[in-house]
């Protein structure tokens, strides 16, 4: 018999990636965990020379990955 562990949402963490949600959408930060400055989603934004420009948004106080 297998047991499935449950974790309260406030304790969820994605190791290695920031993953903070953009306030007005579903995008999440794709920078490394613990980065400084603005959050950034690299796989969005307009296409320039075959590369996405990305989307950035400011850091908010008290942010958590599960927000």
PDB file of N, CA and C in Angstrom:
ATOM      1  N   UNK A   1       0.855  -1.177   0.000  1.00  0.00           N
ATOM      2  CA  UNK A   1       0.000   0.000   0.000  1.00  0.00           C
ATOM      3  C   UNK A   1       0.899   1.238   0.000  1.00  0.00           C
ATOM      4  N   UNK A   2       0.592   2.171  -0.861  1.00  0.00           N
ATOM      5  CA  UNK A   2       1.399   3.387  -0.907  1.00  0.00           C
ATOM      6  C   UNK A   2       0.717   4.497  -0.128  1.00  0.00           C
ATOM      7  N   UNK A   3       1.525   5.302   0.484  1.00  0.00           N
ATOM      8  CA  UNK A   3       1.002   6.461   1.210  1.00  0.00           C
ATOM      9  C   UNK A   3       1.358   7.709   0.424  1.00  0.00           C
ATOM     10  N   UNK A   4       0.412   8.596   0.319  1.00  0.00           N
ATOM     11  CA  UNK A   4       0.655   9.844  -0.386  1.00  0.00           C
ATOM     12  C   UNK A   4       0.809  10.950   0.636  1.00  0.00           C
ATOM     13  N   UNK A   5       1.932  11.656   0.548  1.00  0.00           N
ATOM     14  CA  UNK A   5       2.175  12.763   1.463  1.00  0.00           C
ATOM     15  C   UNK A   5       1.422  13.991   1.008  1.00  0.00           C
ATOM     16  N   UNK A   6       0.822  14.705   1.922  1.00  0.00           N
ATOM     17  CA  UNK A   6       0.171  15.972   1.576  1.00  0.00           C
ATOM     18  C   UNK A   6       0.940  17.093   2.256  1.00  0.00           C
ATOM     19  N   UNK A   7       1.036  18.201   1.563  1.00  0.00           N
ATOM     20  CA  UNK A   7       1.758  19.362   2.065  1.00  0.00           C
ATOM     21  C   UNK A   7       0.860  20.575   1.960  1.00  0.00           C
ATOM     22  N   UNK A   8       0.784  21.327   3.035  1.00  0.00           N
ATOM     23  CA  UNK A   8      -0.013  22.557   3.005  1.00  0.00           C
ATOM     24  C   UNK A   8       0.579  23.501   1.962  1.00  0.00           C
ATOM     25  N   UNK A   9      -0.265  24.222   1.240  1.00  0.00           N
ATOM     26  CA  UNK A   9       0.188  25.091   0.154  1.00  0.00           C
ATOM     27  C   UNK A   9       1.213  26.116   0.620  1.00  0.00           C
ATOM     28  N   UNK A  10       1.114  26.577   1.836  1.00  0.00           N
ATOM     29  CA  UNK A  10       2.053  27.602   2.306  1.00  0.00           C
ATOM     30  C   UNK A  10       3.479  27.059   2.449  1.00  0.00           C
ATOM     31  N   UNK A  11       3.649  25.742   2.372  1.00  0.00           N
ATOM     32  CA  UNK A  11       4.972  25.134   2.514  1.00  0.00           C
ATOM     33  C   UNK A  11       5.548  24.648   1.190  1.00  0.00           C
ATOM     34  N   UNK A  12       4.844  24.873   0.102  1.00  0.00           N
ATOM     35  CA  UNK A  12       5.315  24.397  -1.191  1.00  0.00           C
ATOM     36  C   UNK A  12       6.516  25.221  -1.633  1.00  0.00           C
ATOM     37  N   UNK A  13       7.510  24.557  -2.163  1.00  0.00           N
ATOM     38  CA  UNK A  13       8.682  25.252  -2.687  1.00  0.00           C
ATOM     39  C   UNK A  13       9.209  24.521  -3.903  1.00  0.00           C
ATOM     40  N   UNK A  14       9.573  25.255  -4.931  1.00  0.00           N
ATOM     41  CA  UNK A  14      10.156  24.674  -6.129  1.00  0.00           C
ATOM     42  C   UNK A  14      11.657  24.927  -6.034  1.00  0.00           C
ATOM     43  N   UNK A  15      12.448  23.917  -5.772  1.00  0.00           N
ATOM     44  CA  UNK A  15      13.890  24.154  -5.607  1.00  0.00           C
ATOM     45  C   UNK A  15      14.546  24.624  -6.899  1.00  0.00           C
ATOM     46  N   UNK A  16      15.405  25.604  -6.790  1.00  0.00           N
ATOM     47  CA  UNK A  16      16.192  26.050  -7.922  1.00  0.00           C
ATOM     48  C   UNK A  16      15.579  27.130  -8.780  1.00  0.00           C
ATOM     49  N   UNK A  17      14.285  27.402  -8.654  1.00  0.00           N
ATOM     50  CA  UNK A  17      13.630  28.416  -9.486  1.00  0.00           C
ATOM     51  C   UNK A  17      12.760  29.307  -8.608  1.00  0.00           C
ATOM     52  N   UNK A  18      12.681  30.575  -8.920  1.00  0.00           N
ATOM     53  CA  UNK A  18      11.909  31.538  -8.133  1.00  0.00           C
ATOM     54  C   UNK A  18      10.416  31.191  -8.159  1.00  0.00           C
ATOM     55  N   UNK A  19       9.808  31.146  -9.334  1.00  0.00           N
ATOM     56  CA  UNK A  19       8.432  30.712  -9.562  1.00  0.00           C
ATOM     57  C   UNK A  19       7.357  31.595  -8.938  1.00  0.00           C
ATOM     58  N   UNK A  20       7.666  32.862  -8.606  1.00  0.00           N
ATOM     59  CA  UNK A  20       6.674  33.801  -8.078  1.00  0.00           C
ATOM     60  C   UNK A  20       5.731  34.201  -9.212  1.00  0.00           C
ATOM     61  N   UNK A  21       4.428  34.184  -8.943  1.00  0.00           N
ATOM     62  CA  UNK A  21       3.418  34.513  -9.957  1.00  0.00           C
ATOM     63  C   UNK A  21       3.340  36.026 -10.198  1.00  0.00           C
ATOM     64  N   UNK A  22       3.177  36.406 -11.466  1.00  0.00           N
ATOM     65  CA  UNK A  22       2.943  37.809 -11.819  1.00  0.00           C
ATOM     66  C   UNK A  22       1.567  38.196 -11.280  1.00  0.00           C
ATOM     67  N   UNK A  23       1.437  39.352 -10.615  1.00  0.00           N
ATOM     68  CA  UNK A  23       0.185  39.721  -9.951  1.00  0.00           C
ATOM     69  C   UNK A  23      -1.066  39.690 -10.829  1.00  0.00           C
ATOM     70  N   UNK A  24      -0.969  40.076 -12.093  1.00  0.00           N
ATOM     71  CA  UNK A  24      -2.164  40.179 -12.926  1.00  0.00           C
ATOM     72  C   UNK A  24      -2.279  39.064 -13.964  1.00  0.00           C
ATOM     73  N   UNK A  25      -1.672  37.922 -13.707  1.00  0.00           N
ATOM     74  CA  UNK A  25      -1.728  36.852 -14.701  1.00  0.00           C
ATOM     75  C   UNK A  25      -1.250  35.523 -14.152  1.00  0.00           C
ATOM     76  N   UNK A  26      -0.981  34.613 -15.065  1.00  0.00           N
ATOM     77  CA  UNK A  26      -0.570  33.266 -14.681  1.00  0.00           C
ATOM     78  C   UNK A  26       0.923  33.033 -14.883  1.00  0.00           C
ATOM     79  N   UNK A  27       1.643  34.003 -15.449  1.00  0.00           N
ATOM     80  CA  UNK A  27       3.080  33.826 -15.661  1.00  0.00           C
ATOM     81  C   UNK A  27       3.800  33.743 -14.325  1.00  0.00           C
ATOM     82  N   UNK A  28       4.891  32.996 -14.309  1.00  0.00           N
ATOM     83  CA  UNK A  28       5.709  32.871 -13.106  1.00  0.00           C
ATOM     84  C   UNK A  28       7.160  33.178 -13.446  1.00  0.00           C
ATOM     85  N   UNK A  29       7.890  33.673 -12.458  1.00  0.00           N
ATOM     86  CA  UNK A  29       9.290  34.042 -12.643  1.00  0.00           C
ATOM     87  C   UNK A  29      10.124  32.794 -12.947  1.00  0.00           C
ATOM     88  N   UNK A  30      10.971  32.895 -13.967  1.00  0.00           N
ATOM     89  CA  UNK A  30      11.807  31.773 -14.372  1.00  0.00           C
ATOM     90  C   UNK A  30      13.274  31.970 -13.975  1.00  0.00           C
ATOM     91  N   UNK A  31      13.562  32.978 -13.138  1.00  0.00           N
ATOM     92  CA  UNK A  31      14.932  33.188 -12.658  1.00  0.00           C
ATOM     93  C   UNK A  31      15.251  32.187 -11.544  1.00  0.00           C
ATOM     94  N   UNK A  32      16.517  32.104 -11.176  1.00  0.00           N
ATOM     95  CA  UNK A  32      16.913  31.179 -10.116  1.00  0.00           C
ATOM     96  C   UNK A  32      16.378  31.649  -8.763  1.00  0.00           C
ATOM     97  N   UNK A  33      16.165  30.717  -7.877  1.00  0.00           N
ATOM     98  CA  UNK A  33      15.657  31.028  -6.534  1.00  0.00           C
ATOM     99  C   UNK A  33      16.615  31.978  -5.817  1.00  0.00           C
ATOM    100  N   UNK A  34      16.075  32.939  -5.101  1.00  0.00           N
ATOM    101  CA  UNK A  34      16.874  33.878  -4.332  1.00  0.00           C
ATOM    102  C   UNK A  34      17.490  35.007  -5.147  1.00  0.00           C
ATOM    103  N   UNK A  35      17.057  35.210  -6.389  1.00  0.00           N
ATOM    104  CA  UNK A  35      17.618  36.288  -7.213  1.00  0.00           C
ATOM    105  C   UNK A  35      17.258  37.645  -6.617  1.00  0.00           C
ATOM    106  N   UNK A  36      17.980  38.663  -7.019  1.00  0.00           N
ATOM    107  CA  UNK A  36      17.684  40.023  -6.583  1.00  0.00           C
ATOM    108  C   UNK A  36      16.985  40.794  -7.689  1.00  0.00           C
ATOM    109  N   UNK A  37      16.357  41.892  -7.344  1.00  0.00           N
ATOM    110  CA  UNK A  37      15.725  42.755  -8.344  1.00  0.00           C
ATOM    111  C   UNK A  37      14.378  42.247  -8.829  1.00  0.00           C
ATOM    112  N   UNK A  38      14.022  42.671 -10.045  1.00  0.00           N
ATOM    113  CA  UNK A  38      12.713  42.340 -10.614  1.00  0.00           C
ATOM    114  C   UNK A  38      12.586  40.854 -10.940  1.00  0.00           C
ATOM    115  N   UNK A  39      11.335  40.409 -11.025  1.00  0.00           N
ATOM    116  CA  UNK A  39      11.046  39.058 -11.489  1.00  0.00           C
ATOM    117  C   UNK A  39      11.012  39.078 -13.012  1.00  0.00           C
ATOM    118  N   UNK A  40      11.244  37.910 -13.635  1.00  0.00           N
ATOM    119  CA  UNK A  40      11.275  37.856 -15.097  1.00  0.00           C
ATOM    120  C   UNK A  40      10.773  36.499 -15.595  1.00  0.00           C
ATOM    121  N   UNK A  41       9.971  36.550 -16.629  1.00  0.00           N
ATOM    122  CA  UNK A  41       9.518  35.347 -17.331  1.00  0.00           C
ATOM    123  C   UNK A  41      10.155  35.412 -18.711  1.00  0.00           C
ATOM    124  N   UNK A  42      11.124  34.532 -18.971  1.00  0.00           N
ATOM    125  CA  UNK A  42      11.913  34.596 -20.203  1.00  0.00           C
ATOM    126  C   UNK A  42      11.179  34.107 -21.443  1.00  0.00           C
ATOM    127  N   UNK A  43      10.122  33.338 -21.303  1.00  0.00           N
ATOM    128  CA  UNK A  43       9.489  32.693 -22.453  1.00  0.00           C
ATOM    129  C   UNK A  43       8.263  33.452 -22.958  1.00  0.00           C
ATOM    130  N   UNK A  44       8.206  34.746 -22.706  1.00  0.00           N
ATOM    131  CA  UNK A  44       7.084  35.571 -23.161  1.00  0.00           C
ATOM    132  C   UNK A  44       7.638  36.861 -23.756  1.00  0.00           C
ATOM    133  N   UNK A  45       6.746  37.741 -24.144  1.00  0.00           N
ATOM    134  CA  UNK A  45       7.171  39.009 -24.721  1.00  0.00           C
ATOM    135  C   UNK A  45       7.319  38.900 -26.225  1.00  0.00           C
ATOM    136  N   UNK A  46       7.676  40.014 -26.841  1.00  0.00           N
ATOM    137  CA  UNK A  46       7.778  40.020 -28.300  1.00  0.00           C
ATOM    138  C   UNK A  46       9.042  39.294 -28.767  1.00  0.00           C
ATOM    139  N   UNK A  47       9.036  38.915 -30.009  1.00  0.00           N
ATOM    140  CA  UNK A  47      10.147  38.191 -30.622  1.00  0.00           C
ATOM    141  C   UNK A  47      11.077  39.181 -31.308  1.00  0.00           C
ATOM    142  N   UNK A  48      12.353  39.178 -30.938  1.00  0.00           N
ATOM    143  CA  UNK A  48      13.362  40.045 -31.556  1.00  0.00           C
ATOM    144  C   UNK A  48      14.550  39.195 -31.975  1.00  0.00           C
ATOM    145  N   UNK A  49      14.838  39.184 -33.255  1.00  0.00           N
ATOM    146  CA  UNK A  49      15.954  38.393 -33.789  1.00  0.00           C
ATOM    147  C   UNK A  49      15.880  36.930 -33.358  1.00  0.00           C
ATOM    148  N   UNK A  50      14.673  36.392 -33.309  1.00  0.00           N
ATOM    149  CA  UNK A  50      14.481  34.990 -32.965  1.00  0.00           C
ATOM    150  C   UNK A  50      14.506  34.680 -31.487  1.00  0.00           C
ATOM    151  N   UNK A  51      14.568  35.716 -30.642  1.00  0.00           N
ATOM    152  CA  UNK A  51      14.636  35.523 -29.188  1.00  0.00           C
ATOM    153  C   UNK A  51      13.504  36.298 -28.524  1.00  0.00           C
ATOM    154  N   UNK A  52      12.825  35.697 -27.568  1.00  0.00           N
ATOM    155  CA  UNK A  52      11.773  36.390 -26.803  1.00  0.00           C
ATOM    156  C   UNK A  52      12.408  37.422 -25.884  1.00  0.00           C
ATOM    157  N   UNK A  53      11.776  38.590 -25.762  1.00  0.00           N
ATOM    158  CA  UNK A  53      12.316  39.660 -24.914  1.00  0.00           C
ATOM    159  C   UNK A  53      12.020  39.429 -23.442  1.00  0.00           C
ATOM    160  N   UNK A  54      11.007  38.619 -23.142  1.00  0.00           N
ATOM    161  CA  UNK A  54      10.664  38.348 -21.755  1.00  0.00           C
ATOM    162  C   UNK A  54       9.736  39.402 -21.180  1.00  0.00           C
ATOM    163  N   UNK A  55       9.222  39.134 -20.009  1.00  0.00           N
ATOM    164  CA  UNK A  55       8.327  40.033 -19.291  1.00  0.00           C
ATOM    165  C   UNK A  55       8.877  40.205 -17.883  1.00  0.00           C
ATOM    166  N   UNK A  56       8.893  41.433 -17.381  1.00  0.00           N
ATOM    167  CA  UNK A  56       9.377  41.676 -16.021  1.00  0.00           C
ATOM    168  C   UNK A  56       8.296  42.345 -15.186  1.00  0.00           C
ATOM    169  N   UNK A  57       8.389  42.177 -13.865  1.00  0.00           N
ATOM    170  CA  UNK A  57       7.494  42.862 -12.931  1.00  0.00           C
ATOM    171  C   UNK A  57       8.235  43.035 -11.611  1.00  0.00           C
ATOM    172  N   UNK A  58       7.852  44.067 -10.833  1.00  0.00           N
ATOM    173  CA  UNK A  58       8.583  44.380  -9.599  1.00  0.00           C
ATOM    174  C   UNK A  58       8.335  43.357  -8.489  1.00  0.00           C
ATOM    175  N   UNK A  59       9.300  43.279  -7.623  1.00  0.00           N
ATOM    176  CA  UNK A  59       9.204  42.449  -6.431  1.00  0.00           C
ATOM    177  C   UNK A  59       8.218  43.088  -5.453  1.00  0.00           C
ATOM    178  N   UNK A  60       7.375  42.276  -4.807  1.00  0.00           N
ATOM    179  CA  UNK A  60       6.425  42.766  -3.799  1.00  0.00           C
ATOM    180  C   UNK A  60       6.838  42.241  -2.423  1.00  0.00           C
ATOM    181  N   UNK A  61       6.570  42.987  -1.366  1.00  0.00           N
ATOM    182  CA  UNK A  61       6.926  42.507  -0.032  1.00  0.00           C
ATOM    183  C   UNK A  61       6.115  41.262   0.354  1.00  0.00           C
ATOM    184  N   UNK A  62       6.773  40.312   1.012  1.00  0.00           N
ATOM    185  CA  UNK A  62       6.094  39.125   1.525  1.00  0.00           C
ATOM    186  C   UNK A  62       5.689  38.086   0.500  1.00  0.00           C
ATOM    187  N   UNK A  63       6.309  38.079  -0.667  1.00  0.00           N
ATOM    188  CA  UNK A  63       5.940  37.115  -1.705  1.00  0.00           C
ATOM    189  C   UNK A  63       6.344  35.697  -1.331  1.00  0.00           C
ATOM    190  N   UNK A  64       5.542  34.730  -1.763  1.00  0.00           N
ATOM    191  CA  UNK A  64       5.846  33.323  -1.586  1.00  0.00           C
ATOM    192  C   UNK A  64       5.518  32.594  -2.871  1.00  0.00           C
ATOM    193  N   UNK A  65       6.207  31.488  -3.147  1.00  0.00           N
ATOM    194  CA  UNK A  65       5.999  30.747  -4.393  1.00  0.00           C
ATOM    195  C   UNK A  65       4.563  30.313  -4.576  1.00  0.00           C
ATOM    196  N   UNK A  66       3.892  29.950  -3.518  1.00  0.00           N
ATOM    197  CA  UNK A  66       2.539  29.408  -3.636  1.00  0.00           C
ATOM    198  C   UNK A  66       1.461  30.478  -3.790  1.00  0.00           C
ATOM    199  N   UNK A  67       1.851  31.751  -3.814  1.00  0.00           N
ATOM    200  CA  UNK A  67       0.854  32.824  -3.974  1.00  0.00           C
ATOM    201  C   UNK A  67       0.168  32.743  -5.299  1.00  0.00           C
TER     202      UNK A  67
END
